[in-house]
Amino acid sequence: MNKDKKQNFQALWALLRFDEQGLIPAVVQDAKTRQVLTLCYLNRAALTRSLKEGKVYVFRRSLRRLMLKGETSGHVQQLREVRVDCEGKSLVFLVRQKVAACHAGYFTCYFRRLKGGRLVTVGRRVFNPTKVYGR
């Protein structure tokens, strides 16, 4: 790693404020459309690996482990840009999404809208989750 890049990473780490569990939330958006795809949590290892490899890694709280987003499905997220909020408490990842971000088969996890007190599906499925995950 060159000296400038190392200094940039040091400045980033100094700014970030991980929570008491050592996690920081990241909103993931499609780089082209700016559509919000999902919200994930990263620990230091996930963020380090994401920055080094250019693919989104997350900390799966339910499994208590680091994993590549799209590890099972192959629907990886290529990291295009990272933004940090004013207090260093959250991130925005702009990504190039392969196929879909949602485990339910939709491009975005936000495929439902509240309309007239009811949830209405506004997206369309782009893959069959049973075929991908076997559930």
N, C-alpha and C. Protein backbone atom coordinates (compact mmCIF):
# COMPACT_ATOMS: atom_id res chain seq x y z
N MET A 1 0.86 -1.18 0.00
CA MET A 1 0.00 0.00 0.00
C MET A 1 0.90 1.23 0.00
N ASN A 2 0.59 2.19 -0.90
CA ASN A 2 1.43 3.38 -0.96
C ASN A 2 1.15 4.30 0.22
N LYS A 3 2.07 5.25 0.44
CA LYS A 3 2.02 6.13 1.61
C LYS A 3 0.73 6.97 1.66
N ASP A 4 0.33 7.55 0.51
CA ASP A 4 -0.89 8.38 0.47
C ASP A 4 -2.13 7.57 0.83
N LYS A 5 -2.23 6.36 0.27
CA LYS A 5 -3.39 5.52 0.54
C LYS A 5 -3.42 5.13 2.02
N LYS A 6 -2.26 4.82 2.58
CA LYS A 6 -2.18 4.46 3.99
C LYS A 6 -2.63 5.63 4.87
N GLN A 7 -2.23 6.84 4.53
CA GLN A 7 -2.64 8.03 5.29
C GLN A 7 -4.15 8.27 5.17
N ASN A 8 -4.71 8.04 3.97
CA ASN A 8 -6.15 8.19 3.78
C ASN A 8 -6.92 7.20 4.65
N PHE A 9 -6.45 5.95 4.69
CA PHE A 9 -7.11 4.95 5.53
C PHE A 9 -7.00 5.31 7.00
N GLN A 10 -5.87 5.82 7.42
CA GLN A 10 -5.70 6.23 8.82
C GLN A 10 -6.67 7.36 9.17
N ALA A 11 -6.86 8.29 8.25
CA ALA A 11 -7.81 9.39 8.47
C ALA A 11 -9.23 8.85 8.57
N LEU A 12 -9.57 7.87 7.74
CA LEU A 12 -10.89 7.25 7.79
C LEU A 12 -11.11 6.57 9.13
N TRP A 13 -10.17 5.75 9.56
CA TRP A 13 -10.32 5.03 10.84
C TRP A 13 -10.44 6.00 12.01
N ALA A 14 -9.74 7.12 11.95
CA ALA A 14 -9.82 8.11 13.03
C ALA A 14 -11.20 8.76 13.10
N LEU A 15 -11.87 8.88 11.96
CA LEU A 15 -13.19 9.52 11.89
C LEU A 15 -14.33 8.59 12.30
N LEU A 16 -14.21 7.31 12.00
CA LEU A 16 -15.32 6.38 12.20
C LEU A 16 -15.61 6.10 13.67
N ARG A 17 -16.90 5.96 13.97
CA ARG A 17 -17.38 5.68 15.32
C ARG A 17 -18.21 4.39 15.28
N PHE A 18 -17.56 3.29 15.57
CA PHE A 18 -18.25 2.01 15.63
C PHE A 18 -19.06 1.96 16.93
N ASP A 19 -20.18 1.23 16.93
CA ASP A 19 -21.03 1.16 18.13
C ASP A 19 -20.40 0.24 19.19
N GLU A 20 -21.12 0.03 20.28
CA GLU A 20 -20.60 -0.77 21.40
C GLU A 20 -20.36 -2.24 21.03
N GLN A 21 -21.00 -2.73 19.96
CA GLN A 21 -20.74 -4.08 19.47
C GLN A 21 -19.62 -4.11 18.43
N GLY A 22 -19.03 -2.93 18.15
CA GLY A 22 -17.97 -2.86 17.15
C GLY A 22 -18.48 -2.82 15.73
N LEU A 23 -19.72 -2.35 15.54
CA LEU A 23 -20.35 -2.33 14.22
C LEU A 23 -20.67 -0.91 13.78
N ILE A 24 -20.75 -0.75 12.46
CA ILE A 24 -21.18 0.52 11.86
C ILE A 24 -22.16 0.19 10.74
N PRO A 25 -23.31 0.90 10.69
CA PRO A 25 -24.27 0.61 9.61
C PRO A 25 -23.84 1.25 8.29
N ALA A 26 -24.22 0.59 7.21
CA ALA A 26 -23.96 1.12 5.87
C ALA A 26 -25.22 0.97 5.02
N VAL A 27 -25.65 2.08 4.45
CA VAL A 27 -26.73 2.07 3.47
C VAL A 27 -26.08 1.74 2.13
N VAL A 28 -26.63 0.76 1.44
CA VAL A 28 -26.07 0.34 0.15
C VAL A 28 -27.00 0.82 -0.95
N GLN A 29 -26.43 1.60 -1.90
CA GLN A 29 -27.20 2.16 -3.01
C GLN A 29 -26.61 1.74 -4.34
N ASP A 30 -27.47 1.61 -5.33
CA ASP A 30 -27.02 1.37 -6.69
C ASP A 30 -26.30 2.62 -7.18
N ALA A 31 -25.10 2.47 -7.68
CA ALA A 31 -24.29 3.62 -8.09
C ALA A 31 -24.90 4.39 -9.25
N LYS A 32 -25.61 3.70 -10.12
CA LYS A 32 -26.18 4.37 -11.29
C LYS A 32 -27.50 5.07 -10.97
N THR A 33 -28.43 4.36 -10.34
CA THR A 33 -29.77 4.90 -10.12
C THR A 33 -29.95 5.58 -8.76
N ARG A 34 -29.02 5.30 -7.84
CA ARG A 34 -29.08 5.79 -6.45
C ARG A 34 -30.21 5.14 -5.66
N GLN A 35 -30.82 4.09 -6.20
CA GLN A 35 -31.85 3.36 -5.48
C GLN A 35 -31.22 2.67 -4.27
N VAL A 36 -31.87 2.78 -3.11
CA VAL A 36 -31.38 2.11 -1.91
C VAL A 36 -31.64 0.61 -2.06
N LEU A 37 -30.59 -0.18 -1.87
CA LEU A 37 -30.70 -1.62 -2.03
C LEU A 37 -30.89 -2.34 -0.71
N THR A 38 -30.12 -1.95 0.30
CA THR A 38 -30.20 -2.62 1.59
C THR A 38 -29.46 -1.82 2.65
N LEU A 39 -29.59 -2.26 3.88
CA LEU A 39 -28.84 -1.73 5.00
C LEU A 39 -28.08 -2.90 5.59
N CYS A 40 -26.79 -2.71 5.83
CA CYS A 40 -26.00 -3.78 6.41
C CYS A 40 -25.11 -3.23 7.52
N TYR A 41 -24.47 -4.12 8.24
CA TYR A 41 -23.57 -3.73 9.32
C TYR A 41 -22.19 -4.30 9.04
N LEU A 42 -21.19 -3.51 9.36
CA LEU A 42 -19.82 -3.94 9.16
C LEU A 42 -19.04 -3.78 10.45
N ASN A 43 -18.15 -4.73 10.70
CA ASN A 43 -17.16 -4.55 11.75
C ASN A 43 -15.88 -4.08 11.05
N ARG A 44 -14.83 -3.88 11.81
CA ARG A 44 -13.59 -3.38 11.20
C ARG A 44 -13.05 -4.32 10.13
N ALA A 45 -13.15 -5.62 10.38
CA ALA A 45 -12.64 -6.60 9.41
C ALA A 45 -13.43 -6.55 8.11
N ALA A 46 -14.76 -6.41 8.20
CA ALA A 46 -15.60 -6.35 6.99
C ALA A 46 -15.29 -5.09 6.19
N LEU A 47 -15.14 -3.96 6.89
CA LEU A 47 -14.84 -2.72 6.18
C LEU A 47 -13.45 -2.77 5.54
N THR A 48 -12.48 -3.29 6.26
CA THR A 48 -11.12 -3.41 5.73
C THR A 48 -11.11 -4.26 4.47
N ARG A 49 -11.77 -5.40 4.53
CA ARG A 49 -11.80 -6.30 3.37
C ARG A 49 -12.56 -5.69 2.20
N SER A 50 -13.66 -4.99 2.49
CA SER A 50 -14.43 -4.31 1.44
C SER A 50 -13.56 -3.29 0.71
N LEU A 51 -12.83 -2.50 1.48
CA LEU A 51 -11.98 -1.46 0.89
C LEU A 51 -10.82 -2.05 0.10
N LYS A 52 -10.24 -3.11 0.60
CA LYS A 52 -9.10 -3.75 -0.08
C LYS A 52 -9.50 -4.47 -1.35
N GLU A 53 -10.64 -5.19 -1.30
CA GLU A 53 -11.04 -6.04 -2.42
C GLU A 53 -12.01 -5.38 -3.39
N GLY A 54 -12.67 -4.30 -2.95
CA GLY A 54 -13.62 -3.62 -3.83
C GLY A 54 -14.95 -4.34 -3.96
N LYS A 55 -15.21 -5.28 -3.07
CA LYS A 55 -16.49 -5.99 -2.99
C LYS A 55 -17.02 -5.80 -1.58
N VAL A 56 -18.34 -5.77 -1.43
CA VAL A 56 -18.92 -5.52 -0.11
C VAL A 56 -18.89 -6.79 0.75
N TYR A 57 -18.26 -6.66 1.89
CA TYR A 57 -18.27 -7.67 2.94
C TYR A 57 -19.08 -7.11 4.10
N VAL A 58 -19.83 -7.96 4.77
CA VAL A 58 -20.67 -7.54 5.88
C VAL A 58 -20.40 -8.43 7.08
N PHE A 59 -20.83 -7.95 8.24
CA PHE A 59 -20.81 -8.78 9.42
C PHE A 59 -22.22 -9.26 9.66
N ARG A 60 -22.46 -10.55 9.48
CA ARG A 60 -23.80 -11.12 9.68
C ARG A 60 -24.00 -11.30 11.17
N ARG A 61 -24.84 -10.45 11.73
CA ARG A 61 -25.08 -10.48 13.17
C ARG A 61 -25.72 -11.78 13.60
N SER A 62 -26.64 -12.31 12.80
CA SER A 62 -27.33 -13.55 13.16
C SER A 62 -26.38 -14.76 13.17
N LEU A 63 -25.37 -14.73 12.32
CA LEU A 63 -24.41 -15.83 12.24
C LEU A 63 -23.11 -15.54 12.99
N ARG A 64 -22.96 -14.28 13.41
CA ARG A 64 -21.76 -13.81 14.11
C ARG A 64 -20.49 -14.08 13.30
N ARG A 65 -20.57 -13.73 11.99
CA ARG A 65 -19.39 -13.94 11.15
C ARG A 65 -19.35 -12.96 9.98
N LEU A 66 -18.17 -12.79 9.48
CA LEU A 66 -17.91 -11.97 8.30
C LEU A 66 -18.31 -12.77 7.07
N MET A 67 -18.95 -12.11 6.10
CA MET A 67 -19.24 -12.79 4.84
C MET A 67 -19.29 -11.82 3.68
N LEU A 68 -18.99 -12.31 2.51
CA LEU A 68 -19.11 -11.55 1.28
C LEU A 68 -20.58 -11.41 0.95
N LYS A 69 -21.05 -10.18 0.68
CA LYS A 69 -22.43 -9.98 0.26
C LYS A 69 -22.59 -10.68 -1.09
N GLY A 70 -23.49 -11.63 -1.16
CA GLY A 70 -23.66 -12.42 -2.37
C GLY A 70 -22.87 -13.72 -2.36
N GLU A 71 -22.32 -14.05 -1.22
CA GLU A 71 -21.50 -15.26 -1.07
C GLU A 71 -22.25 -16.52 -1.50
N THR A 72 -23.50 -16.66 -1.11
CA THR A 72 -24.30 -17.83 -1.44
C THR A 72 -24.90 -17.73 -2.84
N SER A 73 -25.46 -16.58 -3.16
CA SER A 73 -26.18 -16.40 -4.42
C SER A 73 -25.29 -16.07 -5.62
N GLY A 74 -24.11 -15.51 -5.34
CA GLY A 74 -23.27 -15.02 -6.43
C GLY A 74 -23.62 -13.59 -6.83
N HIS A 75 -24.58 -12.99 -6.14
CA HIS A 75 -25.05 -11.63 -6.45
C HIS A 75 -24.21 -10.60 -5.69
N VAL A 76 -22.95 -10.52 -6.05
CA VAL A 76 -22.01 -9.65 -5.35
C VAL A 76 -22.23 -8.17 -5.66
N GLN A 77 -21.69 -7.35 -4.78
CA GLN A 77 -21.78 -5.90 -4.93
C GLN A 77 -20.36 -5.35 -5.12
N GLN A 78 -20.11 -4.78 -6.30
CA GLN A 78 -18.81 -4.15 -6.59
C GLN A 78 -18.84 -2.74 -6.01
N LEU A 79 -17.92 -2.46 -5.12
CA LEU A 79 -17.87 -1.17 -4.45
C LEU A 79 -17.33 -0.10 -5.39
N ARG A 80 -18.11 0.96 -5.58
CA ARG A 80 -17.72 2.05 -6.46
C ARG A 80 -17.30 3.31 -5.69
N GLU A 81 -17.96 3.53 -4.54
CA GLU A 81 -17.67 4.74 -3.75
C GLU A 81 -18.12 4.51 -2.31
N VAL A 82 -17.39 5.12 -1.38
CA VAL A 82 -17.75 5.06 0.03
C VAL A 82 -17.91 6.49 0.53
N ARG A 83 -19.01 6.73 1.22
CA ARG A 83 -19.26 8.04 1.84
C ARG A 83 -19.43 7.84 3.34
N VAL A 84 -19.01 8.84 4.10
CA VAL A 84 -19.08 8.80 5.55
C VAL A 84 -19.92 9.97 6.02
N ASP A 85 -20.83 9.71 6.97
CA ASP A 85 -21.66 10.81 7.47
C ASP A 85 -20.83 11.78 8.31
N CYS A 86 -21.43 12.91 8.65
CA CYS A 86 -20.73 14.01 9.32
C CYS A 86 -20.17 13.64 10.69
N GLU A 87 -20.78 12.66 11.35
CA GLU A 87 -20.31 12.25 12.68
C GLU A 87 -19.49 10.97 12.65
N GLY A 88 -19.34 10.36 11.48
CA GLY A 88 -18.58 9.13 11.38
C GLY A 88 -19.31 7.92 11.94
N LYS A 89 -20.64 8.01 12.04
CA LYS A 89 -21.43 6.94 12.64
C LYS A 89 -22.11 6.02 11.63
N SER A 90 -22.06 6.37 10.35
CA SER A 90 -22.66 5.51 9.33
C SER A 90 -21.99 5.77 7.99
N LEU A 91 -22.20 4.82 7.08
CA LEU A 91 -21.58 4.86 5.76
C LEU A 91 -22.66 4.74 4.68
N VAL A 92 -22.31 5.19 3.50
CA VAL A 92 -23.10 4.91 2.30
C VAL A 92 -22.15 4.25 1.32
N PHE A 93 -22.53 3.10 0.82
CA PHE A 93 -21.77 2.41 -0.21
C PHE A 93 -22.53 2.56 -1.52
N LEU A 94 -21.88 3.08 -2.53
CA LEU A 94 -22.43 3.09 -3.88
C LEU A 94 -21.81 1.88 -4.58
N VAL A 95 -22.68 1.02 -5.14
CA VAL A 95 -22.22 -0.26 -5.68
C VAL A 95 -22.77 -0.52 -7.06
N ARG A 96 -22.13 -1.44 -7.72
CA ARG A 96 -22.68 -2.05 -8.93
C ARG A 96 -23.19 -3.41 -8.50
N GLN A 97 -24.49 -3.56 -8.53
CA GLN A 97 -25.14 -4.78 -8.03
C GLN A 97 -25.26 -5.81 -9.12
N LYS A 98 -24.78 -7.01 -8.86
CA LYS A 98 -24.99 -8.13 -9.79
C LYS A 98 -26.32 -8.78 -9.44
N VAL A 99 -27.23 -8.90 -10.35
CA VAL A 99 -28.58 -9.49 -10.27
C VAL A 99 -29.46 -8.77 -9.27
N ALA A 100 -29.30 -9.03 -7.96
CA ALA A 100 -30.20 -8.47 -6.96
C ALA A 100 -29.55 -8.44 -5.59
N ALA A 101 -30.03 -7.54 -4.74
CA ALA A 101 -29.51 -7.41 -3.38
C ALA A 101 -30.35 -8.15 -2.35
N CYS A 102 -31.59 -8.43 -2.67
CA CYS A 102 -32.56 -8.94 -1.70
C CYS A 102 -32.65 -10.46 -1.68
N HIS A 103 -32.65 -11.04 -0.49
CA HIS A 103 -32.79 -12.49 -0.34
C HIS A 103 -34.16 -13.00 -0.80
N ALA A 104 -35.14 -12.09 -0.87
CA ALA A 104 -36.49 -12.48 -1.30
C ALA A 104 -36.63 -12.49 -2.83
N GLY A 105 -35.55 -12.16 -3.55
CA GLY A 105 -35.57 -12.24 -5.00
C GLY A 105 -35.77 -10.92 -5.72
N TYR A 106 -35.86 -9.84 -4.99
CA TYR A 106 -36.05 -8.52 -5.59
C TYR A 106 -34.72 -7.79 -5.73
N PHE A 107 -34.65 -6.83 -6.65
CA PHE A 107 -33.42 -6.06 -6.84
C PHE A 107 -33.04 -5.32 -5.57
N THR A 108 -34.03 -4.75 -4.89
CA THR A 108 -33.81 -4.03 -3.64
C THR A 108 -34.59 -4.69 -2.51
N CYS A 109 -34.07 -4.58 -1.30
CA CYS A 109 -34.80 -5.09 -0.13
C CYS A 109 -36.02 -4.22 0.18
N TYR A 110 -36.06 -3.05 -0.40
CA TYR A 110 -37.17 -2.11 -0.16
C TYR A 110 -38.18 -2.17 -1.31
N PHE A 111 -38.76 -3.35 -1.48
CA PHE A 111 -39.70 -3.59 -2.59
C PHE A 111 -41.15 -3.42 -2.16
N ARG A 112 -41.37 -2.99 -0.92
CA ARG A 112 -42.74 -2.76 -0.44
C ARG A 112 -42.90 -1.29 -0.05
N ARG A 113 -44.10 -0.77 -0.30
CA ARG A 113 -44.40 0.63 0.02
C ARG A 113 -45.67 0.66 0.85
N LEU A 114 -45.70 1.55 1.81
CA LEU A 114 -46.90 1.74 2.61
C LEU A 114 -47.83 2.67 1.84
N LYS A 115 -49.02 2.18 1.54
CA LYS A 115 -49.99 2.95 0.76
C LYS A 115 -51.37 2.73 1.37
N GLY A 116 -51.95 3.81 1.86
CA GLY A 116 -53.28 3.71 2.45
C GLY A 116 -53.33 2.77 3.64
N GLY A 117 -52.26 2.71 4.42
CA GLY A 117 -52.22 1.84 5.58
C GLY A 117 -51.91 0.39 5.28
N ARG A 118 -51.62 0.07 4.01
CA ARG A 118 -51.30 -1.31 3.60
C ARG A 118 -49.94 -1.36 2.94
N LEU A 119 -49.28 -2.49 3.06
CA LEU A 119 -48.03 -2.70 2.34
C LEU A 119 -48.34 -3.20 0.94
N VAL A 120 -47.77 -2.54 -0.04
CA VAL A 120 -47.99 -2.88 -1.44
C VAL A 120 -46.63 -3.19 -2.08
N THR A 121 -46.54 -4.29 -2.80
CA THR A 121 -45.30 -4.62 -3.50
C THR A 121 -45.14 -3.71 -4.70
N VAL A 122 -43.99 -3.04 -4.79
CA VAL A 122 -43.74 -2.11 -5.89
C VAL A 122 -42.63 -2.59 -6.81
N GLY A 123 -41.94 -3.63 -6.42
CA GLY A 123 -40.88 -4.18 -7.26
C GLY A 123 -41.32 -5.50 -7.86
N ARG A 124 -40.48 -6.04 -8.69
CA ARG A 124 -40.77 -7.35 -9.26
C ARG A 124 -39.60 -8.28 -8.93
N ARG A 125 -39.91 -9.53 -8.77
CA ARG A 125 -38.85 -10.51 -8.49
C ARG A 125 -37.97 -10.66 -9.72
N VAL A 126 -36.67 -10.71 -9.48
CA VAL A 126 -35.73 -10.89 -10.58
C VAL A 126 -35.05 -12.25 -10.54
N PHE A 127 -35.25 -12.99 -9.42
CA PHE A 127 -34.78 -14.37 -9.35
C PHE A 127 -35.64 -15.12 -8.35
N ASN A 128 -35.60 -16.45 -8.45
CA ASN A 128 -36.37 -17.31 -7.57
C ASN A 128 -35.49 -17.68 -6.38
N PRO A 129 -35.81 -17.19 -5.17
CA PRO A 129 -34.96 -17.47 -4.02
C PRO A 129 -34.90 -18.95 -3.64
N THR A 130 -35.94 -19.72 -3.92
CA THR A 130 -35.93 -21.15 -3.62
C THR A 130 -34.86 -21.86 -4.44
N LYS A 131 -34.73 -21.47 -5.69
CA LYS A 131 -33.71 -22.08 -6.55
C LYS A 131 -32.30 -21.69 -6.13
N VAL A 132 -32.15 -20.46 -5.63
CA VAL A 132 -30.82 -19.97 -5.23
C VAL A 132 -30.42 -20.46 -3.84
N TYR A 133 -31.33 -20.39 -2.89
CA TYR A 133 -31.02 -20.71 -1.49
C TYR A 133 -31.53 -22.07 -1.05
N GLY A 134 -32.41 -22.68 -1.85
CA GLY A 134 -32.92 -23.99 -1.52
C GLY A 134 -33.90 -24.02 -0.37
N ARG A 135 -34.52 -22.88 -0.06
CA ARG A 135 -35.50 -22.85 1.04
C ARG A 135 -36.90 -22.84 0.50
